[in-house]
């Protein structure tokens, strides 16, 4: 399978007291052998959240280890940015994340099978594992 990985999934894997930690471990095991993709923003976003919620030391360790994984970083260009802007503009709900819109557009643009995430926003747009 070809799967986009969301920051909340990576954070849940890295943060043992995260409410989704056990679910993330199970999902990671279930999808062993899959091809995992990220956007250029996923790892930095994850590291930032870990720096706030855990410690900067743990965030640095996470980023260092994550850069060595075989995650494929999807190309980001003007066409992808513009499509993401259009999806973002079409949303009406307060608190809509531009990055979440980018993830949806990325899954569709690169014909991925879905996303590993715990965010309910994705469910009406793409397949969530």
N, C-alpha and C. Protein backbone atom coordinates (compact mmCIF):
# COMPACT_ATOMS: atom_id res chain seq x y z
N UNK A 1 0.84 -1.19 0.00
CA UNK A 1 0.00 0.00 0.00
C UNK A 1 0.88 1.24 0.00
N UNK A 2 0.30 2.31 -0.49
CA UNK A 2 0.97 3.61 -0.54
C UNK A 2 0.18 4.55 0.37
N UNK A 3 0.81 4.96 1.47
CA UNK A 3 0.08 5.64 2.54
C UNK A 3 0.78 6.94 2.94
N UNK A 4 -0.01 8.02 3.03
CA UNK A 4 0.50 9.27 3.58
C UNK A 4 0.45 9.18 5.10
N UNK A 5 1.48 9.68 5.74
CA UNK A 5 1.55 9.67 7.20
C UNK A 5 1.33 11.09 7.70
N UNK A 6 0.36 11.25 8.60
CA UNK A 6 0.07 12.55 9.17
C UNK A 6 0.90 12.77 10.44
N UNK A 7 1.10 14.02 10.78
CA UNK A 7 1.89 14.36 11.96
C UNK A 7 1.28 13.77 13.23
N UNK A 8 -0.04 13.76 13.35
CA UNK A 8 -0.63 13.24 14.58
C UNK A 8 -0.33 11.75 14.78
N UNK A 9 -0.19 11.01 13.69
CA UNK A 9 0.18 9.61 13.77
C UNK A 9 1.62 9.47 14.26
N UNK A 10 2.53 10.25 13.70
CA UNK A 10 3.93 10.20 14.13
C UNK A 10 4.09 10.63 15.57
N UNK A 11 3.34 11.64 15.98
CA UNK A 11 3.40 12.10 17.37
C UNK A 11 2.90 11.01 18.30
N UNK A 12 1.81 10.36 17.92
CA UNK A 12 1.27 9.26 18.74
C UNK A 12 2.27 8.12 18.86
N UNK A 13 3.00 7.85 17.81
CA UNK A 13 4.03 6.81 17.89
C UNK A 13 5.15 7.21 18.84
N UNK A 14 5.55 8.46 18.78
CA UNK A 14 6.71 8.94 19.54
C UNK A 14 6.41 9.24 21.01
N UNK A 15 5.16 9.54 21.31
CA UNK A 15 4.77 10.01 22.64
C UNK A 15 4.01 8.89 23.36
N UNK A 16 4.68 8.21 24.25
CA UNK A 16 4.10 7.01 24.88
C UNK A 16 2.85 7.30 25.71
N UNK A 17 2.66 8.53 26.15
CA UNK A 17 1.45 8.85 26.92
C UNK A 17 0.36 9.50 26.05
N UNK A 18 0.56 9.51 24.73
CA UNK A 18 -0.46 10.01 23.82
C UNK A 18 -1.67 9.08 23.86
N UNK A 19 -2.86 9.66 23.80
CA UNK A 19 -4.08 8.85 23.87
C UNK A 19 -4.20 7.87 22.71
N UNK A 20 -3.50 8.12 21.62
CA UNK A 20 -3.54 7.22 20.45
C UNK A 20 -2.28 6.37 20.29
N UNK A 21 -1.43 6.35 21.30
CA UNK A 21 -0.15 5.64 21.18
C UNK A 21 -0.35 4.16 20.86
N UNK A 22 -1.19 3.48 21.60
CA UNK A 22 -1.39 2.04 21.37
C UNK A 22 -1.99 1.79 19.98
N UNK A 23 -2.95 2.62 19.58
CA UNK A 23 -3.54 2.49 18.24
C UNK A 23 -2.47 2.69 17.16
N UNK A 24 -1.60 3.67 17.37
CA UNK A 24 -0.54 3.96 16.39
C UNK A 24 0.42 2.77 16.27
N UNK A 25 0.76 2.17 17.38
CA UNK A 25 1.65 0.99 17.36
C UNK A 25 1.01 -0.15 16.58
N UNK A 26 -0.27 -0.38 16.81
CA UNK A 26 -0.99 -1.45 16.10
C UNK A 26 -1.04 -1.15 14.60
N UNK A 27 -1.38 0.09 14.25
CA UNK A 27 -1.43 0.47 12.83
C UNK A 27 -0.06 0.32 12.16
N UNK A 28 0.98 0.75 12.86
CA UNK A 28 2.34 0.64 12.31
C UNK A 28 2.67 -0.82 12.02
N UNK A 29 2.29 -1.69 12.92
CA UNK A 29 2.53 -3.13 12.73
C UNK A 29 1.69 -3.67 11.58
N UNK A 30 0.43 -3.27 11.51
CA UNK A 30 -0.48 -3.75 10.46
C UNK A 30 -0.04 -3.34 9.06
N UNK A 31 0.65 -2.22 8.95
CA UNK A 31 1.03 -1.72 7.63
C UNK A 31 2.51 -1.90 7.32
N UNK A 32 3.17 -2.77 8.06
CA UNK A 32 4.56 -3.09 7.76
C UNK A 32 4.66 -3.54 6.31
N UNK A 33 5.67 -3.07 5.62
CA UNK A 33 5.84 -3.43 4.22
C UNK A 33 5.18 -2.45 3.26
N UNK A 34 4.42 -1.51 3.78
CA UNK A 34 3.81 -0.48 2.93
C UNK A 34 4.84 0.59 2.60
N UNK A 35 4.50 1.41 1.62
CA UNK A 35 5.33 2.56 1.28
C UNK A 35 4.71 3.78 1.96
N UNK A 36 5.51 4.50 2.74
CA UNK A 36 5.02 5.63 3.52
C UNK A 36 5.53 6.94 2.94
N UNK A 37 4.62 7.90 2.87
CA UNK A 37 4.90 9.20 2.27
C UNK A 37 4.60 10.30 3.29
N UNK A 38 5.26 11.43 3.12
CA UNK A 38 4.99 12.63 3.91
C UNK A 38 5.03 13.83 2.98
N UNK A 39 4.55 14.95 3.49
CA UNK A 39 4.79 16.22 2.81
C UNK A 39 6.05 16.82 3.45
N UNK A 40 6.53 17.89 2.89
CA UNK A 40 7.73 18.53 3.44
C UNK A 40 7.47 19.16 4.82
N UNK A 41 6.22 19.25 5.19
CA UNK A 41 5.87 19.89 6.46
C UNK A 41 5.63 18.92 7.60
N UNK A 42 5.47 17.63 7.31
CA UNK A 42 5.05 16.65 8.31
C UNK A 42 6.06 16.48 9.44
N UNK A 43 7.31 16.23 9.11
CA UNK A 43 8.30 16.00 10.16
C UNK A 43 8.57 17.26 10.99
N UNK A 44 8.73 18.43 10.35
CA UNK A 44 8.92 19.63 11.18
C UNK A 44 7.71 19.94 12.07
N UNK A 45 6.50 19.72 11.56
CA UNK A 45 5.30 19.94 12.37
C UNK A 45 5.29 19.00 13.57
N UNK A 46 5.63 17.74 13.34
CA UNK A 46 5.67 16.75 14.41
C UNK A 46 6.72 17.12 15.46
N UNK A 47 7.89 17.52 15.00
CA UNK A 47 8.96 17.90 15.93
C UNK A 47 8.55 19.11 16.77
N UNK A 48 7.87 20.06 16.15
CA UNK A 48 7.42 21.25 16.88
C UNK A 48 6.43 20.87 17.98
N UNK A 49 5.47 20.02 17.65
CA UNK A 49 4.48 19.59 18.65
C UNK A 49 5.18 18.84 19.78
N UNK A 50 6.10 17.96 19.44
CA UNK A 50 6.83 17.22 20.49
C UNK A 50 7.66 18.16 21.35
N UNK A 51 8.23 19.19 20.76
CA UNK A 51 8.99 20.17 21.53
C UNK A 51 8.11 20.87 22.56
N UNK A 52 6.87 21.17 22.17
CA UNK A 52 5.92 21.81 23.10
C UNK A 52 5.40 20.83 24.14
N UNK A 53 5.02 19.62 23.72
CA UNK A 53 4.30 18.70 24.60
C UNK A 53 5.18 17.75 25.39
N UNK A 54 6.41 17.51 24.92
CA UNK A 54 7.30 16.57 25.61
C UNK A 54 8.54 17.33 26.06
N UNK A 55 9.47 17.50 25.16
CA UNK A 55 10.68 18.29 25.44
C UNK A 55 11.39 18.57 24.13
N UNK A 56 12.22 19.58 24.16
CA UNK A 56 12.98 19.89 22.95
C UNK A 56 13.97 18.77 22.65
N UNK A 57 14.55 18.21 23.67
CA UNK A 57 15.50 17.10 23.49
C UNK A 57 14.82 15.93 22.77
N UNK A 58 13.62 15.58 23.18
CA UNK A 58 12.89 14.50 22.52
C UNK A 58 12.51 14.87 21.09
N UNK A 59 12.18 16.13 20.86
CA UNK A 59 11.84 16.58 19.52
C UNK A 59 13.05 16.47 18.58
N UNK A 60 14.22 16.85 19.08
CA UNK A 60 15.45 16.75 18.29
C UNK A 60 15.74 15.28 17.97
N UNK A 61 15.60 14.43 18.96
CA UNK A 61 15.82 13.00 18.76
C UNK A 61 14.84 12.44 17.72
N UNK A 62 13.58 12.81 17.84
CA UNK A 62 12.55 12.38 16.88
C UNK A 62 12.94 12.81 15.47
N UNK A 63 13.29 14.07 15.31
CA UNK A 63 13.60 14.59 13.98
C UNK A 63 14.82 13.89 13.39
N UNK A 64 15.83 13.70 14.20
CA UNK A 64 17.05 13.02 13.76
C UNK A 64 16.73 11.59 13.30
N UNK A 65 15.97 10.84 14.09
CA UNK A 65 15.61 9.46 13.75
C UNK A 65 14.68 9.41 12.53
N UNK A 66 13.73 10.33 12.47
CA UNK A 66 12.75 10.34 11.39
C UNK A 66 13.39 10.62 10.03
N UNK A 67 14.39 11.46 10.02
CA UNK A 67 15.07 11.79 8.76
C UNK A 67 15.78 10.57 8.18
N UNK A 68 16.05 9.58 9.01
CA UNK A 68 16.73 8.36 8.56
C UNK A 68 15.77 7.27 8.10
N UNK A 69 14.48 7.45 8.34
CA UNK A 69 13.49 6.46 7.92
C UNK A 69 13.30 6.52 6.41
N UNK A 70 12.72 5.48 5.87
CA UNK A 70 12.48 5.47 4.42
C UNK A 70 11.09 6.05 4.11
N UNK A 71 10.85 7.26 4.61
CA UNK A 71 9.64 8.02 4.27
C UNK A 71 9.92 8.79 2.99
N UNK A 72 9.03 8.70 2.04
CA UNK A 72 9.20 9.43 0.78
C UNK A 72 8.53 10.79 0.93
N UNK A 73 9.32 11.84 0.76
CA UNK A 73 8.77 13.19 0.84
C UNK A 73 8.23 13.57 -0.54
N UNK A 74 6.93 13.84 -0.58
CA UNK A 74 6.28 14.17 -1.85
C UNK A 74 6.71 15.55 -2.33
N UNK A 75 6.87 15.71 -3.64
CA UNK A 75 7.22 17.02 -4.18
C UNK A 75 6.11 18.05 -3.90
N UNK A 76 6.54 19.26 -3.67
CA UNK A 76 5.61 20.37 -3.43
C UNK A 76 5.88 21.42 -4.51
N UNK A 77 4.85 21.77 -5.26
CA UNK A 77 5.03 22.76 -6.32
C UNK A 77 3.84 23.73 -6.32
N UNK A 78 3.87 24.66 -7.24
CA UNK A 78 2.81 25.67 -7.32
C UNK A 78 1.44 25.06 -7.56
N UNK A 79 1.39 24.02 -8.38
CA UNK A 79 0.10 23.38 -8.69
C UNK A 79 -0.50 22.75 -7.42
N UNK A 80 0.32 22.08 -6.64
CA UNK A 80 -0.15 21.47 -5.40
C UNK A 80 -0.58 22.55 -4.40
N UNK A 81 0.23 23.61 -4.31
CA UNK A 81 -0.11 24.72 -3.42
C UNK A 81 -1.44 25.35 -3.81
N UNK A 82 -1.63 25.59 -5.10
CA UNK A 82 -2.86 26.23 -5.57
C UNK A 82 -4.08 25.34 -5.32
N UNK A 83 -3.94 24.04 -5.54
CA UNK A 83 -5.05 23.12 -5.28
C UNK A 83 -5.38 23.08 -3.80
N UNK A 84 -4.34 23.15 -2.97
CA UNK A 84 -4.55 23.18 -1.52
C UNK A 84 -5.25 24.46 -1.10
N UNK A 85 -4.83 25.58 -1.66
CA UNK A 85 -5.50 26.85 -1.38
C UNK A 85 -6.98 26.77 -1.73
N UNK A 86 -7.30 26.21 -2.88
CA UNK A 86 -8.71 26.10 -3.30
C UNK A 86 -9.52 25.26 -2.33
N UNK A 87 -8.97 24.14 -1.89
CA UNK A 87 -9.68 23.31 -0.91
C UNK A 87 -9.84 24.08 0.40
N UNK A 88 -8.79 24.76 0.83
CA UNK A 88 -8.86 25.54 2.07
C UNK A 88 -9.92 26.64 1.97
N UNK A 89 -9.96 27.34 0.85
CA UNK A 89 -10.95 28.41 0.65
C UNK A 89 -12.38 27.86 0.73
N UNK A 90 -12.57 26.64 0.29
CA UNK A 90 -13.92 26.07 0.23
C UNK A 90 -14.44 25.60 1.60
N UNK A 91 -13.56 25.53 2.58
CA UNK A 91 -13.98 25.09 3.92
C UNK A 91 -14.66 26.23 4.66
N UNK A 92 -15.59 25.89 5.52
CA UNK A 92 -16.34 26.92 6.26
C UNK A 92 -16.11 26.85 7.77
N UNK A 93 -15.54 25.76 8.23
CA UNK A 93 -15.41 25.52 9.66
C UNK A 93 -14.20 26.27 10.26
N UNK A 94 -14.44 26.93 11.37
CA UNK A 94 -13.36 27.60 12.10
C UNK A 94 -12.32 26.57 12.50
N UNK A 95 -11.07 26.95 12.41
CA UNK A 95 -9.99 26.06 12.84
C UNK A 95 -9.53 25.09 11.77
N UNK A 96 -9.97 25.30 10.53
CA UNK A 96 -9.53 24.42 9.44
C UNK A 96 -8.03 24.57 9.24
N UNK A 97 -7.35 23.46 9.09
CA UNK A 97 -5.90 23.44 8.92
C UNK A 97 -5.53 23.41 7.44
N UNK A 98 -4.69 24.34 7.03
CA UNK A 98 -4.20 24.34 5.65
C UNK A 98 -3.37 23.08 5.40
N UNK A 99 -2.62 22.66 6.40
CA UNK A 99 -1.79 21.45 6.26
C UNK A 99 -2.69 20.23 6.05
N UNK A 100 -3.82 20.15 6.74
CA UNK A 100 -4.74 19.04 6.52
C UNK A 100 -5.27 19.06 5.09
N UNK A 101 -5.55 20.24 4.58
CA UNK A 101 -5.99 20.36 3.18
C UNK A 101 -4.88 19.90 2.24
N UNK A 102 -3.64 20.26 2.54
CA UNK A 102 -2.50 19.80 1.74
C UNK A 102 -2.43 18.28 1.74
N UNK A 103 -2.64 17.66 2.88
CA UNK A 103 -2.59 16.20 2.96
C UNK A 103 -3.66 15.56 2.08
N UNK A 104 -4.85 16.12 2.09
CA UNK A 104 -5.94 15.59 1.25
C UNK A 104 -5.57 15.72 -0.23
N UNK A 105 -5.12 16.89 -0.62
CA UNK A 105 -4.74 17.11 -2.01
C UNK A 105 -3.57 16.21 -2.40
N UNK A 106 -2.63 15.99 -1.50
CA UNK A 106 -1.48 15.12 -1.78
C UNK A 106 -1.92 13.68 -2.02
N UNK A 107 -2.81 13.18 -1.16
CA UNK A 107 -3.31 11.81 -1.33
C UNK A 107 -3.97 11.66 -2.69
N UNK A 108 -4.78 12.64 -3.07
CA UNK A 108 -5.49 12.57 -4.35
C UNK A 108 -4.54 12.77 -5.54
N UNK A 109 -3.65 13.73 -5.45
CA UNK A 109 -2.74 14.05 -6.55
C UNK A 109 -1.79 12.89 -6.84
N UNK A 110 -1.27 12.27 -5.79
CA UNK A 110 -0.27 11.21 -5.96
C UNK A 110 -0.89 9.81 -5.91
N UNK A 111 -2.22 9.75 -5.98
CA UNK A 111 -2.95 8.47 -6.02
C UNK A 111 -2.52 7.51 -4.91
N UNK A 112 -2.46 8.04 -3.69
CA UNK A 112 -2.13 7.21 -2.55
C UNK A 112 -3.40 6.51 -2.06
N UNK A 113 -3.23 5.43 -1.31
CA UNK A 113 -4.37 4.65 -0.84
C UNK A 113 -5.12 5.30 0.31
N UNK A 114 -4.48 6.21 1.01
CA UNK A 114 -5.12 6.89 2.13
C UNK A 114 -4.09 7.49 3.05
N UNK A 115 -4.54 7.80 4.28
CA UNK A 115 -3.70 8.48 5.25
C UNK A 115 -3.76 7.76 6.60
N UNK A 116 -2.63 7.71 7.28
CA UNK A 116 -2.59 7.25 8.66
C UNK A 116 -2.73 8.49 9.54
N UNK A 117 -3.87 8.62 10.16
CA UNK A 117 -4.17 9.80 10.96
C UNK A 117 -5.32 9.50 11.91
N UNK A 118 -5.40 10.29 12.96
CA UNK A 118 -6.51 10.19 13.91
C UNK A 118 -7.45 11.39 13.79
N UNK A 119 -7.19 12.23 12.80
CA UNK A 119 -7.98 13.44 12.57
C UNK A 119 -9.25 13.10 11.79
N UNK A 120 -10.40 13.42 12.35
CA UNK A 120 -11.69 13.11 11.74
C UNK A 120 -11.97 13.94 10.48
N UNK A 121 -11.28 15.05 10.31
CA UNK A 121 -11.48 15.93 9.16
C UNK A 121 -11.30 15.20 7.83
N UNK A 122 -10.37 14.27 7.81
CA UNK A 122 -10.04 13.58 6.56
C UNK A 122 -11.14 12.66 6.06
N UNK A 123 -11.94 12.12 6.97
CA UNK A 123 -12.88 11.05 6.62
C UNK A 123 -13.86 11.40 5.50
N UNK A 124 -14.22 12.66 5.36
CA UNK A 124 -15.18 13.01 4.30
C UNK A 124 -14.49 13.28 2.96
N UNK A 125 -13.15 13.19 2.93
CA UNK A 125 -12.40 13.50 1.71
C UNK A 125 -11.59 12.33 1.15
N UNK A 126 -10.96 11.56 2.06
CA UNK A 126 -10.06 10.48 1.64
C UNK A 126 -10.18 9.31 2.60
N UNK A 127 -9.57 8.19 2.21
CA UNK A 127 -9.60 7.01 3.08
C UNK A 127 -8.64 7.20 4.26
N UNK A 128 -9.13 6.92 5.45
CA UNK A 128 -8.33 7.02 6.67
C UNK A 128 -8.16 5.62 7.24
N UNK A 129 -6.92 5.28 7.55
CA UNK A 129 -6.64 3.95 8.12
C UNK A 129 -6.70 4.02 9.63
